[in-house]
Amino acid sequence: MDYDVVVAGGSVAGLLCAREIASHNHKVLVIEEDSEIGTPEHCGGVVSISAIDELGIIPLRSTLDNKIRSADIVSPSGTRFTLDARPQQVIVLDRREFDKQIAHQAKVNGAEIRVRSSLREITSDGIRTSDGEIKCKIVVDARGVSSLIQKDRTGILQSAQYEVYADWVNKERIEVYLDQEKYPGFFAWIIPTRRDEAKVGVAGKGINAASVLEDFLKRKGNYSAIRKIFAPIWVKGPIKEFVSRNTVTIGDAAGQSKPTTAGGIYSCGLGGILAGKA
C-alpha cells in the first residue's frame, strides 16, 4: 500500500503529527521499532494540565499518575527552597498510557500504526523498513535522540532512571538536586508517582549514570527498584534544519526537548502538531 506520509517513531511527537495528518484525510502510517506504544518509558512524565490541553488531550484516569503540590530545589550543601506548583496545576503522567491515548486519537482519525517495524533507509520513492519497502511522498523522522547521536554527540548526556518503592518518597513533592561535581551539566531528580513510589534519576556529562544513581539512592535510604531505564538525553537545543527534501524531522530527533530539563511532552508534541498541520 502507498501512503502520503510515513512517520518513523511512535512517541508523542510522531503520534500527534500522525493525528493531525490523518484528520485532513491523508493516508499516514506510523512505524514504531519497539513492541509496544509507550515503552520503554524514558520520560519523567511531568507536565501542566494547560500544556496537555493545548495539545488536544484530556488525560484519562489511567493516564494520570499523580498531582504535584510543590518542588524542592536542593543545593550541594543541602539547602532547599520550595516552589509552589499548584498555580501551574502540575501532574505526573503514566507515559505508557498517555502515548496509547494519543495513538488511539490518531487511529480514530484514520492513521495506521505498526509496532516492531523500524526505519532502515529513506529511498527515492519511500522508505525501506525491517518489514520491507513502503512507498510514500513524505517521511517524518520522529525516532527520538537516537537520530541525533549519529549526527552530533556533543549535546548528549547519559541518564539513568529507576522506578522505586521507598517510604522516603513525598507523594506531593518533586525534588531536584543540583551538584555540578556529581551531575555535571544536569541534576538528580525524584518524581513521585504514587504513595511510596517514584521515578528517581540522574544525568550528567561523562558520568557512569547507573553508578551515580545507585550512590544517590543509597544516601536516600532503603528502597526497592522495580524498573530500570538507561537512555541518552539531548540538551543542546533544536537542530537548524527541520526539513530536508522529502523528510521532516520532529520531536527529540529535532532537538525540540527543553535544554534545561530534557523534558519534551509539550515542546515536542507541539512540534509534531505543527508539522502535521503544515
Protein backbone atom coordinates (compact mmCIF):
# COMPACT_ATOMS: atom_id res chain seq x y z
CA MET A 1 0.00 0.00 0.00
CA ASP A 2 1.20 3.53 -0.79
CA TYR A 3 0.99 6.33 1.78
CA ASP A 4 1.08 10.10 1.67
CA VAL A 5 3.22 10.16 4.82
CA VAL A 6 5.14 7.61 6.89
CA VAL A 7 6.04 8.66 10.44
CA ALA A 8 9.03 6.80 11.90
CA GLY A 9 8.61 6.83 15.69
CA GLY A 10 5.50 6.21 17.75
CA SER A 11 6.01 8.56 20.68
CA VAL A 12 4.28 11.87 21.48
CA ALA A 13 5.63 13.94 18.56
CA GLY A 14 5.16 11.24 15.93
CA LEU A 15 1.68 10.25 17.08
CA LEU A 16 0.41 13.83 17.32
CA CYS A 17 1.83 14.54 13.87
CA ALA A 18 0.03 11.48 12.50
CA ARG A 19 -3.19 12.52 14.25
CA GLU A 20 -3.14 15.90 12.51
CA ILE A 21 -2.19 14.48 9.09
CA ALA A 22 -4.95 11.86 9.24
CA SER A 23 -7.51 14.49 10.27
CA HIS A 24 -7.04 16.05 6.82
CA ASN A 25 -7.83 12.73 5.07
CA HIS A 26 -4.25 11.92 4.13
CA LYS A 27 -3.02 8.33 4.25
CA VAL A 28 -0.48 8.10 7.07
CA LEU A 29 1.40 5.19 8.60
CA VAL A 30 3.25 5.25 11.94
CA ILE A 31 6.02 2.69 12.40
CA GLU A 32 7.46 2.04 15.87
CA GLU A 33 10.54 -0.12 16.38
CA ASP A 34 9.57 -1.30 19.87
CA SER A 35 6.96 -3.96 20.52
CA GLU A 36 4.51 -1.62 22.27
CA ILE A 37 3.49 2.01 22.01
CA GLY A 38 4.60 3.85 25.15
CA THR A 39 7.54 1.61 26.02
CA PRO A 40 10.29 1.83 27.03
CA GLU A 41 9.28 4.82 29.15
CA HIS A 42 12.30 7.17 29.36
CA CYS A 43 10.32 10.24 30.42
CA GLY A 44 9.65 11.60 33.90
CA GLY A 45 6.12 12.48 32.77
CA VAL A 46 5.91 15.91 34.44
CA VAL A 47 3.66 18.43 32.66
CA SER A 48 0.99 21.02 33.37
CA ILE A 49 -2.69 20.45 32.67
CA SER A 50 -2.77 23.55 30.45
CA ALA A 51 0.07 22.16 28.32
CA ILE A 52 -1.64 18.87 27.51
CA ASP A 53 -4.91 20.72 26.99
CA GLU A 54 -3.16 22.78 24.31
CA LEU A 55 -2.06 19.51 22.70
CA GLY A 56 -5.71 18.49 22.45
CA ILE A 57 -5.60 15.78 25.10
CA ILE A 58 -7.76 15.27 28.18
CA PRO A 59 -5.92 12.63 30.23
CA LEU A 60 -7.87 9.52 31.13
CA ARG A 61 -7.85 8.35 34.73
CA SER A 62 -5.47 5.54 33.78
CA THR A 63 -3.10 8.12 32.26
CA LEU A 64 -2.84 10.34 35.35
CA ASP A 65 -0.34 9.06 37.94
CA ASN A 66 -0.16 11.95 40.39
CA LYS A 67 -0.79 15.63 41.16
CA ILE A 68 2.13 17.73 42.42
CA ARG A 69 1.82 20.48 45.05
CA SER A 70 5.43 21.63 45.31
CA ALA A 71 9.02 21.22 44.11
CA ASP A 72 12.14 21.41 46.26
CA ILE A 73 15.41 22.60 44.72
CA VAL A 74 18.32 21.24 46.78
CA SER A 75 21.87 22.65 46.72
CA PRO A 76 25.06 20.58 47.26
CA SER A 77 25.14 21.79 50.88
CA GLY A 78 21.59 20.53 51.46
CA THR A 79 19.96 23.96 51.46
CA ARG A 80 16.46 23.82 50.00
CA PHE A 81 13.99 26.26 48.59
CA THR A 82 10.45 25.31 47.73
CA LEU A 83 8.35 26.27 44.71
CA ASP A 84 4.55 26.15 44.83
CA ALA A 85 3.41 24.02 41.87
CA ARG A 86 -0.32 24.41 42.47
CA PRO A 87 -0.86 27.52 40.28
CA GLN A 88 0.60 25.63 37.29
CA GLN A 89 -1.54 22.52 38.01
CA VAL A 90 1.43 20.18 37.60
CA ILE A 91 0.72 16.49 37.10
CA VAL A 92 2.71 13.31 36.51
CA LEU A 93 1.60 11.18 33.57
CA ASP A 94 1.91 7.47 33.01
CA ARG A 95 3.66 7.75 29.66
CA ARG A 96 2.79 4.20 28.66
CA GLU A 97 -0.92 5.03 28.89
CA PHE A 98 -0.55 8.61 27.66
CA ASP A 99 1.15 7.57 24.42
CA LYS A 100 -1.51 4.91 23.84
CA GLN A 101 -4.21 7.54 24.32
CA ILE A 102 -2.65 9.67 21.56
CA ALA A 103 -2.25 6.56 19.38
CA HIS A 104 -5.98 5.95 19.75
CA GLN A 105 -6.71 9.54 18.69
CA ALA A 106 -4.53 9.06 15.60
CA LYS A 107 -6.22 5.75 14.76
CA VAL A 108 -9.72 7.25 15.12
CA ASN A 109 -8.67 9.95 12.64
CA GLY A 110 -7.58 7.29 10.16
CA ALA A 111 -3.89 6.69 10.83
CA GLU A 112 -2.39 3.19 10.65
CA ILE A 113 0.10 2.09 13.33
CA ARG A 114 2.61 -0.75 13.21
CA VAL A 115 4.91 -1.86 16.03
CA ARG A 116 8.16 -3.84 15.74
CA SER A 117 8.85 -2.06 12.48
CA SER A 118 11.92 0.15 12.12
CA LEU A 119 13.21 2.58 9.50
CA ARG A 120 16.32 1.28 7.76
CA GLU A 121 16.74 3.68 4.83
CA ILE A 122 15.00 6.54 3.03
CA THR A 123 14.74 5.70 -0.68
CA SER A 124 13.88 7.73 -3.78
CA ASP A 125 10.18 6.82 -3.59
CA GLY A 126 9.68 5.96 0.08
CA ILE A 127 11.46 4.01 2.80
CA ARG A 128 12.99 0.63 3.49
CA THR A 129 11.95 -0.88 6.82
CA SER A 130 12.57 -4.08 8.73
CA ASP A 131 9.32 -5.32 7.12
CA GLY A 132 10.23 -4.35 3.56
CA GLU A 133 9.81 -1.33 1.29
CA ILE A 134 6.98 1.18 1.63
CA LYS A 135 6.16 3.87 -0.90
CA CYS A 136 5.32 7.35 0.39
CA LYS A 137 5.60 11.01 -0.54
CA ILE A 138 6.89 12.37 2.77
CA VAL A 139 8.88 10.83 5.64
CA VAL A 140 8.64 12.20 9.18
CA ASP A 141 11.59 11.30 11.40
CA ALA A 142 10.33 11.13 14.99
CA ARG A 143 12.71 8.41 16.21
CA GLY A 144 14.00 10.33 19.20
CA VAL A 145 17.51 11.02 20.44
CA SER A 146 18.90 8.03 18.54
CA SER A 147 18.62 10.08 15.34
CA LEU A 148 20.75 12.85 16.86
CA ILE A 149 23.50 10.61 18.22
CA GLN A 150 24.56 9.77 14.67
CA LYS A 151 24.95 13.48 13.82
CA ASP A 152 26.24 15.25 16.94
CA ARG A 153 27.25 13.67 20.26
CA THR A 154 28.24 16.94 21.95
CA GLY A 155 24.70 17.59 23.18
CA ILE A 156 24.24 14.09 24.61
CA LEU A 157 24.21 13.28 28.32
CA GLN A 158 23.88 9.82 29.83
CA SER A 159 20.93 9.27 32.14
CA ALA A 160 19.55 6.57 34.40
CA GLN A 161 16.07 6.42 35.90
CA TYR A 162 14.71 3.82 38.32
CA GLU A 163 11.13 3.32 39.39
CA VAL A 164 11.33 2.60 43.10
CA TYR A 165 9.27 1.79 46.14
CA ALA A 166 10.51 3.76 49.17
CA ASP A 167 8.97 5.19 52.33
CA TRP A 168 11.03 8.41 51.97
CA VAL A 169 9.04 9.48 48.89
CA ASN A 170 6.79 12.51 49.44
CA LYS A 171 3.77 11.91 47.17
CA GLU A 172 3.08 15.61 46.56
CA ARG A 173 6.63 16.94 46.12
CA ILE A 174 9.17 16.76 43.31
CA GLU A 175 12.82 17.07 44.41
CA VAL A 176 15.67 18.35 42.21
CA TYR A 177 19.28 18.01 43.41
CA LEU A 178 21.91 20.33 41.95
CA ASP A 179 25.57 19.32 42.24
CA GLN A 180 27.94 20.01 39.36
CA GLU A 181 30.58 17.66 40.74
CA LYS A 182 28.23 14.67 40.88
CA TYR A 183 25.90 15.58 37.99
CA PRO A 184 27.90 17.89 35.69
CA GLY A 185 25.65 19.79 33.31
CA PHE A 186 22.45 18.42 34.82
CA PHE A 187 20.94 17.20 38.12
CA ALA A 188 19.31 14.35 40.04
CA TRP A 189 15.54 14.10 40.49
CA ILE A 190 12.75 12.42 42.43
CA ILE A 191 9.34 12.43 40.76
CA PRO A 192 6.60 10.85 42.90
CA THR A 193 4.03 8.79 41.05
CA ARG A 194 2.03 7.28 43.92
CA ARG A 195 2.36 6.90 47.66
CA ASP A 196 5.82 5.45 48.43
CA GLU A 197 6.58 5.19 44.70
CA ALA A 198 8.69 7.44 42.46
CA LYS A 199 10.85 7.81 39.39
CA VAL A 200 14.35 8.62 40.59
CA GLY A 201 17.06 9.57 38.14
CA VAL A 202 20.35 11.28 37.38
CA ALA A 203 22.05 12.63 34.28
CA GLY A 204 25.36 14.30 33.63
CA LYS A 205 28.25 14.74 31.24
CA GLY A 206 30.87 11.99 31.35
CA ILE A 207 29.37 10.12 34.30
CA ASN A 208 28.51 6.48 34.85
CA ALA A 209 24.82 7.22 35.32
CA ALA A 210 23.94 3.83 36.82
CA SER A 211 26.71 4.01 39.44
CA VAL A 212 25.92 7.63 40.34
CA LEU A 213 22.21 6.82 40.71
CA GLU A 214 22.96 3.82 42.93
CA ASP A 215 25.03 6.08 45.20
CA PHE A 216 22.25 8.69 45.29
CA LEU A 217 19.66 6.09 46.26
CA LYS A 218 21.84 4.62 48.99
CA ARG A 219 22.12 8.06 50.58
CA LYS A 220 18.34 8.47 50.48
CA GLY A 221 17.68 5.23 52.38
CA ASN A 222 16.03 1.86 51.90
CA TYR A 223 14.31 1.21 48.56
CA SER A 224 13.28 -1.47 46.09
CA ALA A 225 13.82 -0.87 42.36
CA ILE A 226 11.05 -2.29 40.17
CA ARG A 227 12.21 -0.89 36.83
CA LYS A 228 15.49 0.47 35.43
CA ILE A 229 15.90 2.60 32.32
CA PHE A 230 19.16 3.86 30.81
CA ALA A 231 18.95 6.32 27.94
CA PRO A 232 20.78 9.27 26.37
CA ILE A 233 19.19 12.71 26.62
CA TRP A 234 19.73 15.79 24.43
CA VAL A 235 20.39 19.21 25.98
CA LYS A 236 21.79 21.28 23.09
CA GLY A 237 18.52 22.71 21.79
CA PRO A 238 16.84 22.41 18.38
CA ILE A 239 18.66 21.48 15.20
CA LYS A 240 18.99 24.15 12.49
CA GLU A 241 17.17 22.39 9.65
CA PHE A 242 13.92 20.52 10.23
CA VAL A 243 13.18 19.87 6.56
CA SER A 244 15.45 18.21 4.01
CA ARG A 245 13.95 17.26 0.64
CA ASN A 246 11.00 14.99 1.47
CA THR A 247 12.00 14.39 5.11
CA VAL A 248 10.67 16.35 8.10
CA THR A 249 12.33 15.90 11.50
CA ILE A 250 10.35 16.48 14.72
CA GLY A 251 10.41 15.87 18.46
CA ASP A 252 13.53 14.64 20.23
CA ALA A 253 15.02 13.76 16.82
CA ALA A 254 14.93 17.51 16.06
CA GLY A 255 16.23 18.55 19.49
CA GLN A 256 12.86 20.04 20.42
CA SER A 257 13.06 18.95 24.06
CA LYS A 258 13.89 21.64 26.65
CA PRO A 259 17.67 22.01 27.19
CA THR A 260 17.15 22.83 30.89
CA THR A 261 15.33 19.59 31.82
CA ALA A 262 15.34 17.45 28.64
CA GLY A 263 11.56 17.31 29.01
CA GLY A 264 9.60 17.39 25.82
CA ILE A 265 5.97 16.35 26.22
CA TYR A 266 4.73 19.84 25.38
CA SER A 267 7.50 21.20 23.16
CA CYS A 268 7.97 18.01 21.13
CA GLY A 269 4.22 17.44 21.00
CA LEU A 270 3.66 20.94 19.67
CA GLY A 271 6.38 20.36 17.08
CA GLY A 272 4.54 17.26 15.93
CA ILE A 273 1.21 19.10 15.70
CA LEU A 274 2.68 22.00 13.71
CA ALA A 275 4.40 19.59 11.30
CA GLY A 276 1.18 17.62 10.88
CA LYS A 277 -0.77 20.75 10.05
CA ALA A 278 1.83 22.13 7.64
